[in-house]
Amino acid sequence: MRVTIGSLLGLTLAKLMDWPFGVFFAVYPILLLGLVPFLNKVIALQFLGSSAASITVVQGLLVVGGVSPPAATIMFFIVSATCFWIMVRKRHFLFGAVTMVTMSVLAHLASHPIASKADLFAAQAVASFSALVIAIIMHGAMPERRAMQLTAAPGSPWLARYQVLLGSICATASYVAFQVIDLGDSLSAQAATVLVLFPMTLSGGRIAVWTRFTGTLIGSASALAIQLALYTHVAHLLLIATPYAAAMLLFSTMHVREAAGPAVGFSAATAMAVLIGQLSPQSDLYGNALYRFASVSIASLLMLLCMFATHALLNVFPAIRYSMASGDQPGARSPTL
């Protein structure tokens, strides 16, 4: 209920105010309320801090990239490695994860001339703040009553090195690809290539790619069904709110019952929120939904191949060798890829 109502409130706010980049307002409450089932001062500071950090980094990437694209790539790799190191340490996982996603998305959007940099950064800041306010209201109205484990112990040093390098190398490869190739409409694909890295292992990446594929298909199909049902009335907020909330409630229930982080239910919820969030009377939701599903599927598959290659490269070095079969044994032989 928190995720459903929170996303609906964010979407309504963006539509009523006619703010640009409405997708941020619909998706960020899902991230904050769906990834973390509780809310406290530390979580709030991590979420707002991730927004400020991503805006600052992207502004730096634009300046450095205008002078030397290779230097910007190195800068992106260093920041990515820092984010994954924070995630590996567990204690401030939300800050590292959200910073990694928003930095990649903002860098992708800011690199295209169709996006106003001032509007983009303003929408990011306002959407993050409004998502936090919505989360405070939702947790106040529907407090969490389950016992939650707030922190987890970090893994062994060799495993941490492997995870940081795997994530940062693959994330940088995605950044370079989306900077070199003209993919201005592939926001969802860019975000998907980062999200599938969060398990920070090859075996976890396989599962993440499949759940992302399945969730995107379900979420895109739901958005198309809403468009078909409303037809020419799709621009009316009151009419679109009911089917949107019903589908979001279903996906949120899937997400809670899966209890597996950003799995199928979470992917479906974000997929639908992205499509409905960017919907306007002039937009082609049919084409957007089909393109989104195709681009996310192809990008996720290519990222999985990149993870295979990076995994094989890292396993050359005994200090960070990781075996999918032996799990926690440093220096173990890796199975044939």
Protein backbone atom coordinates (compact mmCIF):
# COMPACT_ATOMS: atom_id res chain seq x y z
CA MET A 1 0.00 0.00 0.00
CA ARG A 2 2.87 2.39 0.74
CA VAL A 3 4.45 1.80 -2.67
CA THR A 4 1.13 2.03 -4.53
CA ILE A 5 -0.14 5.22 -2.91
CA GLY A 6 3.32 6.78 -2.87
CA SER A 7 3.87 6.29 -6.61
CA LEU A 8 0.36 7.51 -7.36
CA LEU A 9 0.95 10.66 -5.31
CA GLY A 10 4.21 11.34 -7.12
CA LEU A 11 2.61 10.82 -10.53
CA THR A 12 -0.32 13.06 -9.60
CA LEU A 13 1.98 15.82 -8.40
CA ALA A 14 3.97 15.81 -11.65
CA LYS A 15 0.85 15.79 -13.81
CA LEU A 16 -0.96 18.52 -11.89
CA MET A 17 2.09 20.79 -11.87
CA ASP A 18 2.97 19.90 -15.48
CA TRP A 19 6.61 19.42 -14.51
CA PRO A 20 9.14 17.98 -16.98
CA PHE A 21 10.67 14.54 -16.44
CA GLY A 22 7.54 13.31 -14.69
CA VAL A 23 8.97 9.82 -14.73
CA PHE A 24 11.25 10.77 -11.80
CA PHE A 25 8.24 11.67 -9.65
CA ALA A 26 6.51 8.34 -10.34
CA VAL A 27 9.58 6.10 -9.99
CA TYR A 28 11.48 7.58 -7.01
CA PRO A 29 8.75 6.80 -4.44
CA ILE A 30 8.91 3.20 -5.67
CA LEU A 31 12.67 3.13 -5.14
CA LEU A 32 12.53 4.62 -1.66
CA LEU A 33 9.48 2.70 -0.43
CA GLY A 34 10.20 -0.55 -2.27
CA LEU A 35 13.92 -1.04 -1.72
CA VAL A 36 13.82 -0.12 1.97
CA PRO A 37 10.83 -1.30 4.08
CA PHE A 38 11.60 1.16 6.88
CA LEU A 39 12.44 4.85 7.12
CA ASN A 40 14.67 6.73 9.54
CA LYS A 41 17.01 9.71 9.55
CA VAL A 42 19.92 7.71 8.17
CA ILE A 43 17.87 6.40 5.24
CA ALA A 44 16.50 9.89 4.51
CA LEU A 45 19.99 11.41 4.49
CA GLN A 46 21.28 8.63 2.25
CA PHE A 47 18.48 9.19 -0.27
CA LEU A 48 18.84 12.97 -0.41
CA GLY A 49 22.62 12.69 -0.38
CA SER A 50 22.53 10.33 -3.36
CA SER A 51 20.56 12.90 -5.35
CA ALA A 52 22.99 15.69 -4.53
CA ALA A 53 25.98 13.45 -5.27
CA SER A 54 24.64 12.31 -8.63
CA ILE A 55 23.89 15.87 -9.76
CA THR A 56 27.36 17.02 -8.71
CA VAL A 57 29.10 14.11 -10.42
CA VAL A 58 27.17 14.51 -13.68
CA GLN A 59 27.94 18.22 -13.78
CA GLY A 60 31.60 17.31 -13.36
CA LEU A 61 31.34 14.67 -16.10
CA LEU A 62 29.89 17.26 -18.50
CA VAL A 63 32.74 19.68 -17.81
CA VAL A 64 35.48 17.05 -18.00
CA GLY A 65 33.87 15.31 -20.97
CA GLY A 66 33.83 18.56 -22.92
CA VAL A 67 37.62 18.68 -22.58
CA SER A 68 38.58 15.00 -22.67
CA PRO A 69 36.08 12.11 -23.02
CA PRO A 70 38.69 9.53 -21.85
CA ALA A 71 39.19 11.57 -18.67
CA ALA A 72 35.42 11.60 -18.12
CA THR A 73 35.38 7.82 -18.53
CA ILE A 74 38.10 7.45 -15.90
CA MET A 75 36.16 9.76 -13.59
CA PHE A 76 32.99 7.70 -14.09
CA PHE A 77 34.90 4.50 -13.29
CA ILE A 78 36.32 5.96 -10.07
CA VAL A 79 32.90 7.15 -8.89
CA SER A 80 31.32 3.81 -9.85
CA ALA A 81 33.98 1.90 -7.92
CA THR A 82 33.28 4.12 -4.91
CA CYS A 83 29.53 3.44 -5.16
CA PHE A 84 30.01 -0.32 -5.40
CA TRP A 85 32.49 -0.24 -2.52
CA ILE A 86 29.85 1.50 -0.41
CA MET A 87 27.31 -1.13 -1.44
CA VAL A 88 29.72 -3.93 -0.55
CA ARG A 89 30.19 -2.42 2.90
CA LYS A 90 26.39 -2.85 3.36
CA ARG A 91 25.88 -0.11 5.96
CA HIS A 92 25.06 2.63 3.43
CA PHE A 93 23.89 0.39 0.60
CA LEU A 94 20.99 2.67 -0.34
CA PHE A 95 23.27 5.65 -0.92
CA GLY A 96 25.60 3.69 -3.18
CA ALA A 97 22.81 2.00 -5.13
CA VAL A 98 20.66 5.08 -5.75
CA THR A 99 23.70 7.22 -6.57
CA MET A 100 24.83 4.64 -9.12
CA VAL A 101 21.42 4.50 -10.82
CA THR A 102 20.68 8.23 -10.83
CA MET A 103 24.22 9.12 -11.92
CA SER A 104 23.95 6.77 -14.90
CA VAL A 105 20.49 8.03 -15.86
CA LEU A 106 21.37 11.72 -15.50
CA ALA A 107 24.62 11.28 -17.43
CA HIS A 108 22.69 9.57 -20.21
CA LEU A 109 19.99 12.26 -20.41
CA ALA A 110 22.38 15.19 -20.01
CA SER A 111 24.53 14.00 -22.91
CA HIS A 112 21.72 14.64 -25.42
CA PRO A 113 20.92 18.20 -26.58
CA ILE A 114 17.16 17.56 -26.36
CA ALA A 115 17.34 17.70 -22.56
CA SER A 116 17.61 21.01 -20.74
CA LYS A 117 20.34 20.57 -18.15
CA ALA A 118 18.74 23.08 -15.75
CA ASP A 119 15.32 21.40 -16.01
CA LEU A 120 16.89 17.95 -15.66
CA PHE A 121 18.81 18.74 -12.48
CA ALA A 122 15.89 20.69 -11.01
CA ALA A 123 13.51 17.79 -11.69
CA GLN A 124 15.96 15.38 -10.07
CA ALA A 125 16.24 17.50 -6.92
CA VAL A 126 12.52 18.24 -6.60
CA ALA A 127 11.52 14.64 -7.34
CA SER A 128 13.93 13.31 -4.71
CA PHE A 129 12.67 15.73 -2.06
CA SER A 130 9.02 15.06 -2.89
CA ALA A 131 9.65 11.28 -2.80
CA LEU A 132 11.08 11.64 0.70
CA VAL A 133 8.10 13.72 1.85
CA ILE A 134 5.74 11.12 0.37
CA ALA A 135 7.67 8.33 2.10
CA ILE A 136 7.41 10.12 5.46
CA ILE A 137 3.65 10.48 5.00
CA MET A 138 3.25 6.82 3.96
CA HIS A 139 5.27 5.47 6.88
CA GLY A 140 3.38 7.77 9.24
CA ALA A 141 0.03 6.51 7.97
CA MET A 142 1.11 2.85 7.60
CA PRO A 143 4.08 2.17 9.90
CA GLU A 144 6.20 -0.96 9.48
CA ARG A 145 5.42 -3.57 12.12
CA ARG A 146 7.75 -6.36 10.97
CA ALA A 147 11.17 -6.86 12.54
CA MET A 148 13.82 -5.80 10.03
CA GLN A 149 17.56 -6.42 9.93
CA LEU A 150 19.06 -2.98 9.45
CA THR A 151 22.61 -3.98 8.49
CA ALA A 152 24.50 -7.00 7.25
CA ALA A 153 28.12 -7.93 7.76
CA PRO A 154 30.37 -7.21 4.77
CA GLY A 155 31.96 -10.12 2.92
CA SER A 156 35.61 -11.12 2.81
CA PRO A 157 38.15 -8.62 1.39
CA TRP A 158 38.91 -10.67 -1.73
CA LEU A 159 35.21 -11.03 -2.52
CA ALA A 160 34.72 -7.28 -2.01
CA ARG A 161 37.49 -6.54 -4.51
CA TYR A 162 35.89 -8.87 -7.02
CA GLN A 163 32.43 -7.32 -6.60
CA VAL A 164 33.69 -3.73 -6.81
CA LEU A 165 35.72 -4.40 -9.95
CA LEU A 166 32.96 -6.43 -11.64
CA GLY A 167 30.36 -3.74 -10.99
CA SER A 168 32.50 -0.70 -11.81
CA ILE A 169 34.01 -2.15 -15.01
CA CYS A 170 30.63 -3.22 -16.39
CA ALA A 171 28.94 0.05 -15.36
CA THR A 172 31.69 2.03 -17.10
CA ALA A 173 31.29 -0.11 -20.22
CA SER A 174 27.57 0.76 -20.20
CA TYR A 175 28.38 4.46 -19.77
CA VAL A 176 30.77 4.42 -22.72
CA ALA A 177 28.32 2.53 -24.93
CA PHE A 178 25.46 4.94 -24.26
CA GLN A 179 27.75 7.92 -24.80
CA VAL A 180 29.12 6.66 -28.12
CA ILE A 181 25.90 5.28 -29.61
CA ASP A 182 22.98 7.67 -30.21
CA LEU A 183 20.37 6.15 -27.90
CA GLY A 184 18.51 9.21 -26.65
CA ASP A 185 15.25 7.32 -26.06
CA SER A 186 16.81 4.40 -24.19
CA LEU A 187 16.55 5.70 -20.63
CA SER A 188 15.08 2.44 -19.37
CA ALA A 189 17.78 0.37 -21.05
CA GLN A 190 20.49 2.50 -19.43
CA ALA A 191 18.95 2.04 -16.00
CA ALA A 192 18.48 -1.69 -16.57
CA THR A 193 22.17 -2.23 -17.34
CA VAL A 194 23.01 -0.78 -13.93
CA LEU A 195 20.27 -2.50 -11.94
CA VAL A 196 21.28 -5.98 -13.10
CA LEU A 197 24.75 -5.34 -11.63
CA PHE A 198 23.50 -4.95 -8.06
CA PRO A 199 23.89 -8.64 -7.11
CA MET A 200 27.59 -7.98 -7.92
CA THR A 201 28.21 -11.59 -8.98
CA LEU A 202 27.78 -13.36 -12.30
CA SER A 203 25.33 -15.91 -10.93
CA GLY A 204 23.26 -13.12 -9.36
CA GLY A 205 23.43 -11.16 -12.62
CA ARG A 206 21.88 -14.08 -14.50
CA ILE A 207 18.88 -14.06 -12.19
CA ALA A 208 18.65 -10.26 -12.29
CA VAL A 209 18.58 -10.21 -16.10
CA TRP A 210 15.78 -12.77 -16.22
CA THR A 211 13.68 -10.99 -13.58
CA ARG A 212 14.26 -7.65 -15.32
CA PHE A 213 13.18 -9.16 -18.63
CA THR A 214 10.03 -10.72 -17.15
CA GLY A 215 9.09 -7.66 -15.09
CA THR A 216 9.59 -5.26 -18.00
CA LEU A 217 7.37 -7.41 -20.20
CA ILE A 218 4.59 -7.47 -17.59
CA GLY A 219 4.85 -3.76 -16.78
CA SER A 220 4.94 -2.70 -20.43
CA ALA A 221 1.96 -4.91 -21.24
CA SER A 222 0.02 -3.36 -18.34
CA ALA A 223 0.79 0.16 -19.57
CA LEU A 224 -0.39 -0.81 -23.05
CA ALA A 225 -3.59 -2.29 -21.61
CA ILE A 226 -4.30 0.98 -19.79
CA GLN A 227 -3.73 2.91 -23.01
CA LEU A 228 -6.06 0.62 -24.95
CA ALA A 229 -8.75 0.84 -22.28
CA LEU A 230 -8.71 4.64 -22.04
CA TYR A 231 -7.88 5.32 -25.70
CA THR A 232 -8.36 9.08 -26.32
CA HIS A 233 -9.04 9.74 -22.61
CA VAL A 234 -5.58 8.64 -21.50
CA ALA A 235 -4.55 12.26 -20.74
CA HIS A 236 -7.23 12.57 -18.02
CA LEU A 237 -5.52 12.13 -14.67
CA LEU A 238 -8.60 10.91 -12.79
CA LEU A 239 -9.24 8.21 -15.38
CA ILE A 240 -5.70 6.94 -15.56
CA ALA A 241 -5.19 6.97 -11.78
CA THR A 242 -7.56 4.04 -11.09
CA PRO A 243 -6.03 1.41 -13.43
CA TYR A 244 -2.53 2.67 -12.59
CA ALA A 245 -3.14 2.21 -8.86
CA ALA A 246 -4.70 -1.23 -9.40
CA ALA A 247 -1.74 -2.48 -11.44
CA MET A 248 0.76 -0.91 -9.04
CA LEU A 249 -0.94 -2.63 -6.11
CA LEU A 250 -0.62 -5.98 -7.88
CA PHE A 251 3.07 -5.45 -8.68
CA SER A 252 3.81 -4.21 -5.16
CA THR A 253 2.19 -7.31 -3.72
CA MET A 254 4.37 -9.45 -6.00
CA HIS A 255 7.41 -7.51 -4.83
CA VAL A 256 6.66 -8.03 -1.14
CA ARG A 257 5.88 -11.73 -1.54
CA GLU A 258 9.02 -12.36 -3.59
CA ALA A 259 11.16 -10.84 -0.81
CA ALA A 260 14.09 -10.84 -3.23
CA GLY A 261 14.89 -7.16 -3.74
CA PRO A 262 14.32 -5.71 -7.22
CA ALA A 263 12.87 -8.88 -8.76
CA VAL A 264 9.88 -9.36 -11.09
CA GLY A 265 7.31 -7.34 -9.14
CA PHE A 266 9.66 -4.41 -8.60
CA SER A 267 10.75 -4.44 -12.27
CA ALA A 268 7.14 -4.49 -13.44
CA ALA A 269 6.24 -1.59 -11.15
CA THR A 270 9.12 0.59 -12.36
CA ALA A 271 8.47 -0.33 -16.01
CA MET A 272 4.85 0.80 -15.81
CA ALA A 273 5.75 3.92 -13.82
CA VAL A 274 8.29 4.96 -16.45
CA LEU A 275 5.81 4.58 -19.31
CA ILE A 276 2.88 6.26 -17.57
CA GLY A 277 5.15 8.93 -16.08
CA GLN A 278 6.31 10.08 -19.52
CA LEU A 279 2.85 9.84 -21.04
CA SER A 280 1.42 12.94 -22.73
CA PRO A 281 -1.41 13.52 -25.23
CA GLN A 282 1.18 13.69 -28.02
CA SER A 283 3.20 10.62 -26.98
CA ASP A 284 3.01 7.23 -28.65
CA LEU A 285 2.68 4.84 -25.74
CA TYR A 286 2.39 1.84 -28.06
CA GLY A 287 5.71 2.55 -29.72
CA ASN A 288 7.33 3.54 -26.42
CA ALA A 289 6.25 0.30 -24.72
CA LEU A 290 7.47 -1.92 -27.55
CA TYR A 291 10.75 -0.01 -27.84
CA ARG A 292 11.25 -0.08 -24.07
CA PHE A 293 10.79 -3.85 -23.88
CA ALA A 294 13.07 -4.50 -26.85
CA SER A 295 15.79 -2.09 -25.71
CA VAL A 296 15.79 -3.35 -22.11
CA SER A 297 15.96 -6.96 -23.26
CA ILE A 298 18.87 -6.35 -25.65
CA ALA A 299 20.74 -4.09 -23.21
CA SER A 300 20.35 -6.58 -20.34
CA LEU A 301 21.57 -9.45 -22.51
CA LEU A 302 24.61 -7.46 -23.65
CA MET A 303 25.35 -6.50 -20.05
CA LEU A 304 25.21 -10.17 -19.05
CA LEU A 305 27.76 -10.93 -21.79
CA CYS A 306 29.91 -8.09 -20.46
CA MET A 307 29.69 -9.62 -16.98
CA PHE A 308 30.79 -12.99 -18.39
CA ALA A 309 33.82 -11.39 -20.04
CA THR A 310 34.72 -9.33 -16.96
CA HIS A 311 34.28 -12.34 -14.69
CA ALA A 312 36.68 -14.34 -16.87
CA LEU A 313 39.20 -11.49 -16.85
CA LEU A 314 39.07 -11.05 -13.08
CA ASN A 315 39.51 -14.77 -12.52
CA VAL A 316 42.94 -14.56 -14.12
CA PHE A 317 44.16 -12.92 -10.91
CA PRO A 318 44.28 -15.26 -7.86
CA ALA A 319 43.74 -12.41 -5.37
CA ILE A 320 40.24 -11.75 -6.68
CA ARG A 321 39.33 -15.07 -8.33
CA TYR A 322 35.71 -15.99 -7.74
CA SER A 323 34.14 -19.37 -8.41
CA MET A 324 30.40 -19.57 -8.94
CA ALA A 325 30.55 -23.16 -7.76
CA SER A 326 32.68 -22.74 -4.64
CA GLY A 327 31.22 -19.37 -3.66
CA ASP A 328 33.45 -18.11 -0.84
CA GLN A 329 36.75 -19.76 -1.59
CA PRO A 330 39.44 -17.32 -2.74
CA GLY A 331 41.65 -18.55 -5.54
CA ALA A 332 39.24 -21.35 -6.50
CA ARG A 333 39.10 -22.41 -10.10
CA SER A 334 36.26 -20.89 -12.07
CA PRO A 335 33.94 -23.16 -14.05
CA THR A 336 34.23 -23.06 -17.82
CA LEU A 337 32.22 -20.16 -19.23
